[in-house]
PDB file of N, CA and C in Angstrom:
ATOM      1  N   MET A   1      66.384  32.248 112.884  1.00  0.00           N
ATOM      2  CA  MET A   1      67.052  33.681 112.226  1.00  0.00           C
ATOM      3  C   MET A   1      66.744  34.344 111.512  1.00  0.00           C
ATOM      4  N   VAL A   2      66.727  35.171 110.515  1.00  0.00           N
ATOM      5  CA  VAL A   2      66.702  35.298 108.648  1.00  0.00           C
ATOM      6  C   VAL A   2      67.385  36.632 109.504  1.00  0.00           C
ATOM      7  N   GLN A   3      68.556  36.774 108.751  1.00  0.00           N
ATOM      8  CA  GLN A   3      69.728  38.682 108.429  1.00  0.00           C
ATOM      9  C   GLN A   3      68.790  38.840 107.014  1.00  0.00           C
ATOM     10  N   ARG A   4      69.022  39.824 106.998  1.00  0.00           N
ATOM     11  CA  ARG A   4      69.001  40.527 105.759  1.00  0.00           C
ATOM     12  C   ARG A   4      70.165  41.187 106.192  1.00  0.00           C
ATOM     13  N   SER A   5      70.521  41.302 104.791  1.00  0.00           N
ATOM     14  CA  SER A   5      72.084  42.510 104.799  1.00  0.00           C
ATOM     15  C   SER A   5      71.615  44.108 104.077  1.00  0.00           C
ATOM     16  N   ALA A   6      72.460  44.667 104.331  1.00  0.00           N
ATOM     17  CA  ALA A   6      71.752  46.008 103.755  1.00  0.00           C
ATOM     18  C   ALA A   6      72.144  46.057 102.210  1.00  0.00           C
ATOM     19  N   PRO A   7      71.389  46.565 102.325  1.00  0.00           N
ATOM     20  CA  PRO A   7      71.493  47.680 100.273  1.00  0.00           C
ATOM     21  C   PRO A   7      72.988  47.446 100.197  1.00  0.00           C
ATOM     22  N   THR A   8      73.638  47.250  98.803  1.00  0.00           N
ATOM     23  CA  THR A   8      74.813  47.440  98.953  1.00  0.00           C
ATOM     24  C   THR A   8      74.856  49.372  97.902  1.00  0.00           C
ATOM     25  N   ALA A   9      75.694  49.775  98.111  1.00  0.00           N
ATOM     26  CA  ALA A   9      75.946  51.531  97.487  1.00  0.00           C
ATOM     27  C   ALA A   9      75.718  50.806  96.153  1.00  0.00           C
ATOM     28  N   GLY A  10      74.573  51.678  95.764  1.00  0.00           N
ATOM     29  CA  GLY A  10      75.108  52.062  94.343  1.00  0.00           C
ATOM     30  C   GLY A  10      74.010  50.779  93.607  1.00  0.00           C
ATOM     31  N   THR A  11      72.989  49.783  95.052  1.00  0.00           N
ATOM     32  CA  THR A  11      71.493  49.818  94.185  1.00  0.00           C
ATOM     33  C   THR A  11      70.693  50.903  94.221  1.00  0.00           C
ATOM     34  N   ASP A  12      69.502  50.596  92.868  1.00  0.00           N
ATOM     35  CA  ASP A  12      68.865  51.417  92.605  1.00  0.00           C
ATOM     36  C   ASP A  12      67.587  50.526  92.592  1.00  0.00           C
ATOM     37  N   HIS A  13      67.106  51.043  93.579  1.00  0.00           N
ATOM     38  CA  HIS A  13      65.476  50.397  93.880  1.00  0.00           C
ATOM     39  C   HIS A  13      64.696  51.378  93.187  1.00  0.00           C
ATOM     40  N   ARG A  14      63.620  50.945  92.147  1.00  0.00           N
ATOM     41  CA  ARG A  14      62.624  51.081  90.979  1.00  0.00           C
ATOM     42  C   ARG A  14      61.173  50.608  91.613  1.00  0.00           C
ATOM     43  N   PRO A  15      60.384  51.505  91.746  1.00  0.00           N
ATOM     44  CA  PRO A  15      58.871  51.206  92.082  1.00  0.00           C
ATOM     45  C   PRO A  15      58.494  50.476  91.145  1.00  0.00           C
ATOM     46  N   VAL A  16      58.394  48.909  91.193  1.00  0.00           N
ATOM     47  CA  VAL A  16      58.111  48.127  89.975  1.00  0.00           C
ATOM     48  C   VAL A  16      55.696  48.408  90.546  1.00  0.00           C
ATOM     49  N   ARG A  17      55.135  47.651  89.741  1.00  0.00           N
ATOM     50  CA  ARG A  17      53.625  47.453  89.733  1.00  0.00           C
ATOM     51  C   ARG A  17      53.344  46.586  88.719  1.00  0.00           C
ATOM     52  N   MET A  18      52.036  45.986  88.450  1.00  0.00           N
ATOM     53  CA  MET A  18      50.969  45.197  87.997  1.00  0.00           C
ATOM     54  C   MET A  18      49.935  45.652  87.483  1.00  0.00           C
ATOM     55  N   CYS A  19      49.953  45.800  85.647  1.00  0.00           N
ATOM     56  CA  CYS A  19      49.941  46.340  84.555  1.00  0.00           C
ATOM     57  C   CYS A  19      48.316  45.347  85.110  1.00  0.00           C
ATOM     58  N   VAL A  20      47.313  46.204  84.728  1.00  0.00           N
ATOM     59  CA  VAL A  20      45.723  45.207  84.842  1.00  0.00           C
ATOM     60  C   VAL A  20      45.648  45.306  83.751  1.00  0.00           C
ATOM     61  N   GLY A  21      45.885  45.359  82.333  1.00  0.00           N
ATOM     62  CA  GLY A  21      45.861  44.637  81.181  1.00  0.00           C
ATOM     63  C   GLY A  21      46.579  43.326  81.002  1.00  0.00           C
ATOM     64  N   CYS A  22      47.698  43.022  81.607  1.00  0.00           N
ATOM     65  CA  CYS A  22      47.875  42.308  80.828  1.00  0.00           C
ATOM     66  C   CYS A  22      48.993  41.225  82.078  1.00  0.00           C
ATOM     67  N   ARG A  23      48.756  42.055  83.412  1.00  0.00           N
ATOM     68  CA  ARG A  23      48.604  41.802  84.436  1.00  0.00           C
ATOM     69  C   ARG A  23      50.599  41.008  85.170  1.00  0.00           C
ATOM     70  N   ARG A  24      51.186  41.755  84.318  1.00  0.00           N
ATOM     71  CA  ARG A  24      52.356  41.796  83.585  1.00  0.00           C
ATOM     72  C   ARG A  24      53.667  42.448  84.400  1.00  0.00           C
ATOM     73  N   ARG A  25      54.264  42.542  85.936  1.00  0.00           N
ATOM     74  CA  ARG A  25      55.167  43.185  86.077  1.00  0.00           C
ATOM     75  C   ARG A  25      55.820  44.344  85.626  1.00  0.00           C
ATOM     76  N   ALA A  26      55.754  45.440  85.696  1.00  0.00           N
ATOM     77  CA  ALA A  26      56.738  46.038  84.603  1.00  0.00           C
ATOM     78  C   ALA A  26      57.528  47.468  86.054  1.00  0.00           C
ATOM     79  N   GLU A  27      58.047  47.963  85.972  1.00  0.00           N
ATOM     80  CA  GLU A  27      58.663  49.335  86.361  1.00  0.00           C
ATOM     81  C   GLU A  27      57.757  50.643  86.377  1.00  0.00           C
ATOM     82  N   THR A  28      57.488  51.659  86.806  1.00  0.00           N
ATOM     83  CA  THR A  28      56.450  52.727  87.337  1.00  0.00           C
ATOM     84  C   THR A  28      56.318  53.553  85.836  1.00  0.00           C
ATOM     85  N   SER A  29      58.184  53.218  85.535  1.00  0.00           N
ATOM     86  CA  SER A  29      58.576  54.041  84.226  1.00  0.00           C
ATOM     87  C   SER A  29      57.881  53.911  82.698  1.00  0.00           C
ATOM     88  N   GLU A  30      57.436  52.595  82.985  1.00  0.00           N
ATOM     89  CA  GLU A  30      56.901  51.842  81.971  1.00  0.00           C
ATOM     90  C   GLU A  30      55.933  51.561  81.895  1.00  0.00           C
ATOM     91  N   LEU A  31      55.337  52.162  83.014  1.00  0.00           N
ATOM     92  CA  LEU A  31      53.364  51.923  82.899  1.00  0.00           C
ATOM     93  C   LEU A  31      52.836  53.268  82.977  1.00  0.00           C
ATOM     94  N   VAL A  32      51.912  53.823  82.824  1.00  0.00           N
ATOM     95  CA  VAL A  32      51.101  54.950  82.874  1.00  0.00           C
ATOM     96  C   VAL A  32      49.892  54.752  84.376  1.00  0.00           C
ATOM     97  N   ARG A  33      49.417  55.663  84.540  1.00  0.00           N
ATOM     98  CA  ARG A  33      48.789  55.769  85.730  1.00  0.00           C
ATOM     99  C   ARG A  33      47.702  56.207  85.863  1.00  0.00           C
ATOM    100  N   VAL A  34      46.361  56.104  86.101  1.00  0.00           N
ATOM    101  CA  VAL A  34      44.838  56.132  85.522  1.00  0.00           C
ATOM    102  C   VAL A  34      44.208  55.693  87.068  1.00  0.00           C
ATOM    103  N   VAL A  35      43.248  56.877  87.119  1.00  0.00           N
ATOM    104  CA  VAL A  35      42.651  57.419  88.315  1.00  0.00           C
ATOM    105  C   VAL A  35      40.757  57.633  88.299  1.00  0.00           C
ATOM    106  N   ALA A  36      40.076  57.528  88.609  1.00  0.00           N
ATOM    107  CA  ALA A  36      38.086  57.208  88.438  1.00  0.00           C
ATOM    108  C   ALA A  36      38.813  59.046  89.086  1.00  0.00           C
ATOM    109  N   GLN A  37      36.931  59.347  88.084  1.00  0.00           N
ATOM    110  CA  GLN A  37      37.256  61.219  88.022  1.00  0.00           C
ATOM    111  C   GLN A  37      35.939  61.388  88.061  1.00  0.00           C
ATOM    112  N   GLN A  38      34.765  61.707  88.789  1.00  0.00           N
ATOM    113  CA  GLN A  38      33.413  62.321  88.918  1.00  0.00           C
ATOM    114  C   GLN A  38      33.475  63.034  87.459  1.00  0.00           C
ATOM    115  N   ARG A  39      32.705  62.410  86.645  1.00  0.00           N
ATOM    116  CA  ARG A  39      32.687  63.676  85.901  1.00  0.00           C
ATOM    117  C   ARG A  39      30.757  63.550  85.663  1.00  0.00           C
ATOM    118  N   GLY A  40      30.100  64.619  86.664  1.00  0.00           N
ATOM    119  CA  GLY A  40      28.414  64.528  86.821  1.00  0.00           C
ATOM    120  C   GLY A  40      28.115  63.772  87.758  1.00  0.00           C
ATOM    121  N   ASP A  41      27.327  63.250  86.715  1.00  0.00           N
ATOM    122  CA  ASP A  41      26.993  61.814  88.368  1.00  0.00           C
ATOM    123  C   ASP A  41      28.041  60.050  87.417  1.00  0.00           C
ATOM    124  N   VAL A  42      28.826  59.929  86.244  1.00  0.00           N
ATOM    125  CA  VAL A  42      29.334  59.041  86.103  1.00  0.00           C
ATOM    126  C   VAL A  42      30.654  58.935  86.558  1.00  0.00           C
ATOM    127  N   PRO A  43      31.703  57.798  86.901  1.00  0.00           N
ATOM    128  CA  PRO A  43      32.687  58.038  87.274  1.00  0.00           C
ATOM    129  C   PRO A  43      33.225  57.642  86.050  1.00  0.00           C
ATOM    130  N   ARG A  44      34.700  58.215  85.308  1.00  0.00           N
ATOM    131  CA  ARG A  44      35.349  57.931  84.586  1.00  0.00           C
ATOM    132  C   ARG A  44      36.865  57.776  83.967  1.00  0.00           C
ATOM    133  N   VAL A  45      37.055  56.681  83.475  1.00  0.00           N
ATOM    134  CA  VAL A  45      38.753  56.436  83.694  1.00  0.00           C
ATOM    135  C   VAL A  45      39.766  57.856  83.495  1.00  0.00           C
ATOM    136  N   VAL A  46      40.817  58.597  83.962  1.00  0.00           N
ATOM    137  CA  VAL A  46      41.304  59.668  83.116  1.00  0.00           C
ATOM    138  C   VAL A  46      42.690  59.290  83.545  1.00  0.00           C
ATOM    139  N   VAL A  47      44.028  59.227  82.509  1.00  0.00           N
ATOM    140  CA  VAL A  47      45.277  59.196  82.515  1.00  0.00           C
ATOM    141  C   VAL A  47      46.092  60.382  83.740  1.00  0.00           C
ATOM    142  N   ASP A  48      46.957  60.102  84.719  1.00  0.00           N
ATOM    143  CA  ASP A  48      47.373  60.733  84.992  1.00  0.00           C
ATOM    144  C   ASP A  48      48.876  60.979  84.648  1.00  0.00           C
ATOM    145  N   SER A  49      48.984  61.136  83.850  1.00  0.00           N
ATOM    146  CA  SER A  49      50.597  61.672  83.631  1.00  0.00           C
ATOM    147  C   SER A  49      51.513  61.888  84.153  1.00  0.00           C
ATOM    148  N   ALA A  50      51.456  63.210  84.876  1.00  0.00           N
ATOM    149  CA  ALA A  50      52.113  63.630  85.737  1.00  0.00           C
ATOM    150  C   ALA A  50      52.011  62.956  87.305  1.00  0.00           C
ATOM    151  N   LYS A  51      51.543  60.544  87.303  1.00  0.00           N
ATOM    152  CA  LYS A  51      51.828  60.489  88.196  1.00  0.00           C
ATOM    153  C   LYS A  51      51.473  61.132  89.769  1.00  0.00           C
ATOM    154  N   THR A  52      50.332  62.381  89.838  1.00  0.00           N
ATOM    155  CA  THR A  52      50.545  62.679  90.757  1.00  0.00           C
ATOM    156  C   THR A  52      49.389  63.396  91.686  1.00  0.00           C
ATOM    157  N   MET A  53      48.164  62.645  90.738  1.00  0.00           N
ATOM    158  CA  MET A  53      46.281  62.567  90.930  1.00  0.00           C
ATOM    159  C   MET A  53      46.089  62.109  92.667  1.00  0.00           C
ATOM    160  N   PRO A  54      45.322  62.495  93.082  1.00  0.00           N
ATOM    161  CA  PRO A  54      45.081  62.368  94.119  1.00  0.00           C
ATOM    162  C   PRO A  54      43.625  60.676  93.852  1.00  0.00           C
ATOM    163  N   GLY A  55      43.865  60.043  95.180  1.00  0.00           N
ATOM    164  CA  GLY A  55      43.005  58.872  94.664  1.00  0.00           C
ATOM    165  C   GLY A  55      44.401  57.729  94.561  1.00  0.00           C
ATOM    166  N   ARG A  56      42.952  56.433  94.309  1.00  0.00           N
ATOM    167  CA  ARG A  56      43.397  55.489  93.869  1.00  0.00           C
ATOM    168  C   ARG A  56      44.201  55.208  92.964  1.00  0.00           C
ATOM    169  N   GLY A  57      45.606  54.602  92.327  1.00  0.00           N
ATOM    170  CA  GLY A  57      44.993  54.705  91.527  1.00  0.00           C
ATOM    171  C   GLY A  57      45.371  52.642  90.627  1.00  0.00           C
ATOM    172  N   ALA A  58      45.758  52.759  89.343  1.00  0.00           N
ATOM    173  CA  ALA A  58      45.371  51.872  88.564  1.00  0.00           C
ATOM    174  C   ALA A  58      46.441  52.360  87.291  1.00  0.00           C
ATOM    175  N   TRP A  59      47.767  50.682  87.181  1.00  0.00           N
ATOM    176  CA  TRP A  59      48.741  50.930  86.560  1.00  0.00           C
ATOM    177  C   TRP A  59      48.389  49.883  84.677  1.00  0.00           C
ATOM    178  N   LEU A  60      49.487  50.638  83.532  1.00  0.00           N
ATOM    179  CA  LEU A  60      48.647  50.231  82.384  1.00  0.00           C
ATOM    180  C   LEU A  60      50.020  50.320  81.615  1.00  0.00           C
ATOM    181  N   HIS A  61      50.092  49.775  80.802  1.00  0.00           N
ATOM    182  CA  HIS A  61      51.431  49.455  79.983  1.00  0.00           C
ATOM    183  C   HIS A  61      50.056  50.633  78.618  1.00  0.00           C
ATOM    184  N   ALA A  62      50.691  51.343  77.911  1.00  0.00           N
ATOM    185  CA  ALA A  62      50.250  51.868  76.911  1.00  0.00           C
ATOM    186  C   ALA A  62      50.214  51.762  75.663  1.00  0.00           C
ATOM    187  N   ASP A  63      49.297  50.294  75.893  1.00  0.00           N
ATOM    188  CA  ASP A  63      49.260  49.956  74.188  1.00  0.00           C
ATOM    189  C   ASP A  63      47.685  48.821  74.186  1.00  0.00           C
ATOM    190  N   ALA A  64      47.474  48.922  72.895  1.00  0.00           N
ATOM    191  CA  ALA A  64      45.955  48.644  72.898  1.00  0.00           C
ATOM    192  C   ALA A  64      46.293  47.266  72.952  1.00  0.00           C
ATOM    193  N   GLU A  65      46.906  46.531  73.174  1.00  0.00           N
ATOM    194  CA  GLU A  65      46.460  45.394  74.605  1.00  0.00           C
ATOM    195  C   GLU A  65      46.130  45.046  75.360  1.00  0.00           C
ATOM    196  N   CYS A  66      47.124  45.643  76.385  1.00  0.00           N
ATOM    197  CA  CYS A  66      46.858  46.120  77.846  1.00  0.00           C
ATOM    198  C   CYS A  66      45.210  47.040  77.807  1.00  0.00           C
ATOM    199  N   ILE A  67      44.946  48.238  76.829  1.00  0.00           N
ATOM    200  CA  ILE A  67      43.933  48.835  77.321  1.00  0.00           C
ATOM    201  C   ILE A  67      42.036  47.758  76.991  1.00  0.00           C
ATOM    202  N   SER A  68      42.754  46.696  75.899  1.00  0.00           N
ATOM    203  CA  SER A  68      41.978  46.434  75.489  1.00  0.00           C
ATOM    204  C   SER A  68      41.628  44.534  76.137  1.00  0.00           C
ATOM    205  N   ALA A  69      42.385  43.991  76.891  1.00  0.00           N
ATOM    206  CA  ALA A  69      42.408  43.507  78.384  1.00  0.00           C
ATOM    207  C   ALA A  69      41.167  44.217  79.137  1.00  0.00           C
ATOM    208  N   ALA A  70      41.738  45.202  80.127  1.00  0.00           N
ATOM    209  CA  ALA A  70      41.467  45.652  80.673  1.00  0.00           C
ATOM    210  C   ALA A  70      39.908  46.043  81.031  1.00  0.00           C
ATOM    211  N   THR A  71      39.718  46.661  79.506  1.00  0.00           N
ATOM    212  CA  THR A  71      37.975  47.258  78.975  1.00  0.00           C
ATOM    213  C   THR A  71      37.950  45.520  79.630  1.00  0.00           C
ATOM    214  N   ARG A  72      38.604  44.670  79.281  1.00  0.00           N
ATOM    215  CA  ARG A  72      37.252  43.209  78.751  1.00  0.00           C
ATOM    216  C   ARG A  72      36.448  43.003  79.992  1.00  0.00           C
ATOM    217  N   ARG A  73      37.955  42.249  81.022  1.00  0.00           N
ATOM    218  CA  ARG A  73      37.665  41.963  82.095  1.00  0.00           C
ATOM    219  C   ARG A  73      37.177  43.056  83.567  1.00  0.00           C
ATOM    220  N   ARG A  74      37.271  44.073  82.668  1.00  0.00           N
ATOM    221  CA  ARG A  74      36.383  44.960  83.312  1.00  0.00           C
ATOM    222  C   ARG A  74      37.469  45.534  84.694  1.00  0.00           C
ATOM    223  N   ALA A  75      38.668  45.567  84.717  1.00  0.00           N
ATOM    224  CA  ALA A  75      39.567  45.381  85.311  1.00  0.00           C
ATOM    225  C   ALA A  75      39.651  46.292  86.170  1.00  0.00           C
ATOM    226  N   PHE A  76      39.529  47.879  85.480  1.00  0.00           N
ATOM    227  CA  PHE A  76      39.703  49.070  86.515  1.00  0.00           C
ATOM    228  C   PHE A  76      38.921  49.632  87.361  1.00  0.00           C
ATOM    229  N   ALA A  77      37.385  49.028  87.222  1.00  0.00           N
ATOM    230  CA  ALA A  77      36.571  48.755  88.242  1.00  0.00           C
ATOM    231  C   ALA A  77      36.827  48.670  89.647  1.00  0.00           C
ATOM    232  N   ALA A  78      37.770  47.481  89.495  1.00  0.00           N
ATOM    233  CA  ALA A  78      38.097  46.489  90.595  1.00  0.00           C
ATOM    234  C   ALA A  78      39.147  47.128  91.600  1.00  0.00           C
ATOM    235  N   ALA A  79      40.362  47.393  89.927  1.00  0.00           N
ATOM    236  CA  ALA A  79      41.574  47.856  90.581  1.00  0.00           C
ATOM    237  C   ALA A  79      41.383  49.189  91.207  1.00  0.00           C
ATOM    238  N   LEU A  80      40.811  49.902  90.901  1.00  0.00           N
ATOM    239  CA  LEU A  80      40.257  51.611  91.359  1.00  0.00           C
ATOM    240  C   LEU A  80      39.318  51.491  92.749  1.00  0.00           C
ATOM    241  N   ARG A  81      38.807  50.601  92.496  1.00  0.00           N
ATOM    242  CA  ARG A  81      37.592  49.901  94.387  1.00  0.00           C
ATOM    243  C   ARG A  81      36.024  51.086  93.702  1.00  0.00           C
ATOM    244  N   THR A  82      36.003  51.242  92.634  1.00  0.00           N
ATOM    245  CA  THR A  82      34.754  52.054  91.716  1.00  0.00           C
ATOM    246  C   THR A  82      33.379  51.369  91.634  1.00  0.00           C
ATOM    247  N   PRO A  83      32.851  50.792  92.651  1.00  0.00           N
ATOM    248  CA  PRO A  83      31.762  50.571  91.412  1.00  0.00           C
ATOM    249  C   PRO A  83      30.371  51.069  89.989  1.00  0.00           C
ATOM    250  N   GLY A  84      30.495  49.952  89.808  1.00  0.00           N
ATOM    251  CA  GLY A  84      29.845  50.848  88.430  1.00  0.00           C
ATOM    252  C   GLY A  84      30.555  51.844  87.394  1.00  0.00           C
ATOM    253  N   LEU A  85      32.180  51.754  87.889  1.00  0.00           N
ATOM    254  CA  LEU A  85      33.041  52.037  86.273  1.00  0.00           C
ATOM    255  C   LEU A  85      32.626  51.433  85.187  1.00  0.00           C
ATOM    256  N   THR A  86      32.915  51.861  84.398  1.00  0.00           N
ATOM    257  CA  THR A  86      33.028  51.972  82.897  1.00  0.00           C
ATOM    258  C   THR A  86      34.383  53.029  82.494  1.00  0.00           C
ATOM    259  N   ALA A  87      34.783  51.533  81.429  1.00  0.00           N
ATOM    260  CA  ALA A  87      36.477  52.913  80.460  1.00  0.00           C
ATOM    261  C   ALA A  87      35.740  52.592  79.955  1.00  0.00           C
ATOM    262  N   ASP A  88      35.876  53.584  78.326  1.00  0.00           N
ATOM    263  CA  ASP A  88      35.568  52.648  77.658  1.00  0.00           C
ATOM    264  C   ASP A  88      36.909  53.565  76.535  1.00  0.00           C
ATOM    265  N   PRO A  89      37.798  52.359  76.095  1.00  0.00           N
ATOM    266  CA  PRO A  89      38.490  52.103  75.348  1.00  0.00           C
ATOM    267  C   PRO A  89      39.596  52.522  74.521  1.00  0.00           C
ATOM    268  N   ASP A  90      38.791  53.281  73.300  1.00  0.00           N
ATOM    269  CA  ASP A  90      39.049  54.698  72.549  1.00  0.00           C
ATOM    270  C   ASP A  90      39.403  55.926  73.341  1.00  0.00           C
ATOM    271  N   ASP A  91      38.338  56.077  73.888  1.00  0.00           N
ATOM    272  CA  ASP A  91      38.620  57.150  74.787  1.00  0.00           C
ATOM    273  C   ASP A  91      39.960  56.923  75.342  1.00  0.00           C
ATOM    274  N   LEU A  92      40.318  56.100  76.269  1.00  0.00           N
ATOM    275  CA  LEU A  92      41.908  55.645  76.655  1.00  0.00           C
ATOM    276  C   LEU A  92      42.825  55.590  75.927  1.00  0.00           C
ATOM    277  N   ALA A  93      42.665  55.179  74.862  1.00  0.00           N
ATOM    278  CA  ALA A  93      43.420  54.608  73.637  1.00  0.00           C
ATOM    279  C   ALA A  93      43.987  56.496  73.311  1.00  0.00           C
ATOM    280  N   GLU A  94      42.460  57.497  72.995  1.00  0.00           N
ATOM    281  CA  GLU A  94      43.071  58.468  72.813  1.00  0.00           C
ATOM    282  C   GLU A  94      43.622  59.552  74.238  1.00  0.00           C
ATOM    283  N   GLN A  95      43.502  59.371  75.156  1.00  0.00           N
ATOM    284  CA  GLN A  95      43.931  60.300  76.136  1.00  0.00           C
ATOM    285  C   GLN A  95      45.634  60.082  76.424  1.00  0.00           C
ATOM    286  N   LEU A  96      46.137  58.278  75.978  1.00  0.00           N
ATOM    287  CA  LEU A  96      47.248  57.484  75.446  1.00  0.00           C
ATOM    288  C   LEU A  96      47.731  57.930  74.690  1.00  0.00           C
ATOM    289  N   GLY A  97      47.111  58.364  73.587  1.00  0.00           N
ATOM    290  CA  GLY A  97      47.974  58.328  71.813  1.00  0.00           C
ATOM    291  C   GLY A  97      48.001  57.442  71.908  1.00  0.00           C
ATOM    292  N   VAL A  98      47.722  55.787  71.722  1.00  0.00           N
ATOM    293  CA  VAL A  98      47.710  55.117  71.242  1.00  0.00           C
ATOM    294  C   VAL A  98      46.596  54.576  70.365  1.00  0.00           C
ATOM    295  N   VAL A  99      47.746  53.982  68.736  1.00  0.00           N
ATOM    296  CA  VAL A  99      46.987  53.649  68.101  1.00  0.00           C
ATOM    297  C   VAL A  99      46.045  51.787  68.043  1.00  0.00           C
ATOM    298  N   THR A 100      44.608  52.338  67.789  1.00  0.00           N
ATOM    299  CA  THR A 100      44.157  51.101  68.000  1.00  0.00           C
ATOM    300  C   THR A 100      43.567  50.756  67.024  1.00  0.00           C
ATOM    301  N   HIS A 101      44.108  50.546  65.337  1.00  0.00           N
ATOM    302  CA  HIS A 101      43.544  50.295  64.303  1.00  0.00           C
ATOM    303  C   HIS A 101      44.427  48.585  64.287  1.00  0.00           C
ATOM    304  N   GLN A 102      43.236  47.902  63.615  1.00  0.00           N
ATOM    305  CA  GLN A 102      43.060  46.380  63.563  1.00  0.00           C
ATOM    306  C   GLN A 102      43.885  46.524  62.311  1.00  0.00           C
ATOM    307  N   GLY A 103      44.840  45.055  62.727  1.00  0.00           N
ATOM    308  CA  GLY A 103      46.085  45.335  62.172  1.00  0.00           C
ATOM    309  C   GLY A 103      47.586  46.284  61.991  1.00  0.00           C
ATOM    310  N   MET A 104      47.410  46.915  62.753  1.00  0.00           N
ATOM    311  CA  MET A 104      48.522  47.462  62.999  1.00  0.00           C
ATOM    312  C   MET A 104      49.197  47.145  64.267  1.00  0.00           C
ATOM    313  N   ALA A 105      50.836  46.426  64.444  1.00  0.00           N
ATOM    314  CA  ALA A 105      51.075  45.374  65.134  1.00  0.00           C
ATOM    315  C   ALA A 105      51.143  46.389  66.635  1.00  0.00           C
ATOM    316  N   PRO A 106      51.699  46.035  67.703  1.00  0.00           N
ATOM    317  CA  PRO A 106      51.925  46.534  68.804  1.00  0.00           C
ATOM    318  C   PRO A 106      52.550  46.960  69.498  1.00  0.00           C
ATOM    319  N   ARG A 107      53.099  47.763  69.661  1.00  0.00           N
ATOM    320  CA  ARG A 107      54.281  48.599  70.689  1.00  0.00           C
ATOM    321  C   ARG A 107      54.896  46.843  70.760  1.00  0.00           C
ATOM    322  N   SER A 108      55.983  46.685  70.539  1.00  0.00           N
ATOM    323  CA  SER A 108      57.026  45.608  71.457  1.00  0.00           C
ATOM    324  C   SER A 108      57.146  45.567  73.048  1.00  0.00           C
ATOM    325  N   ARG A 109      56.826  44.723  73.863  1.00  0.00           N
ATOM    326  CA  ARG A 109      57.615  44.872  74.456  1.00  0.00           C
ATOM    327  C   ARG A 109      57.681  43.675  75.362  1.00  0.00           C
ATOM    328  N   ASN A 110      59.013  43.594  76.273  1.00  0.00           N
ATOM    329  CA  ASN A 110      59.580  42.523  76.684  1.00  0.00           C
ATOM    330  C   ASN A 110      58.445  41.495  77.513  1.00  0.00           C
ATOM    331  N   ARG A 111      58.328  40.276  77.174  1.00  0.00           N
ATOM    332  CA  ARG A 111      57.288  39.637  78.066  1.00  0.00           C
ATOM    333  C   ARG A 111      57.641  38.137  78.226  1.00  0.00           C
TER     334      ARG A 111
END
């Protein structure tokens, strides 16, 4: 039988999620949450800046590389379990305030 020790005082538990773009784990404070929201007949990906919107969420680094990778792999539809969901990388980058111009160096991040 395996015994587990109780957490020591002062140990901080921080939630960790996986980025749907680069598929690396990071603390939720380093990621943004996105959700699928119905706009007319078409579901679209919107940023949940307060991280409190209802529904299933997906987590993403706020940089051009991760937005591009998640869009290319169609990861939003799978992660948000919304068939037919398409994400416009330019719209998502605009919501996040990310510069997506080619030639610009991406924000540094530990990988």
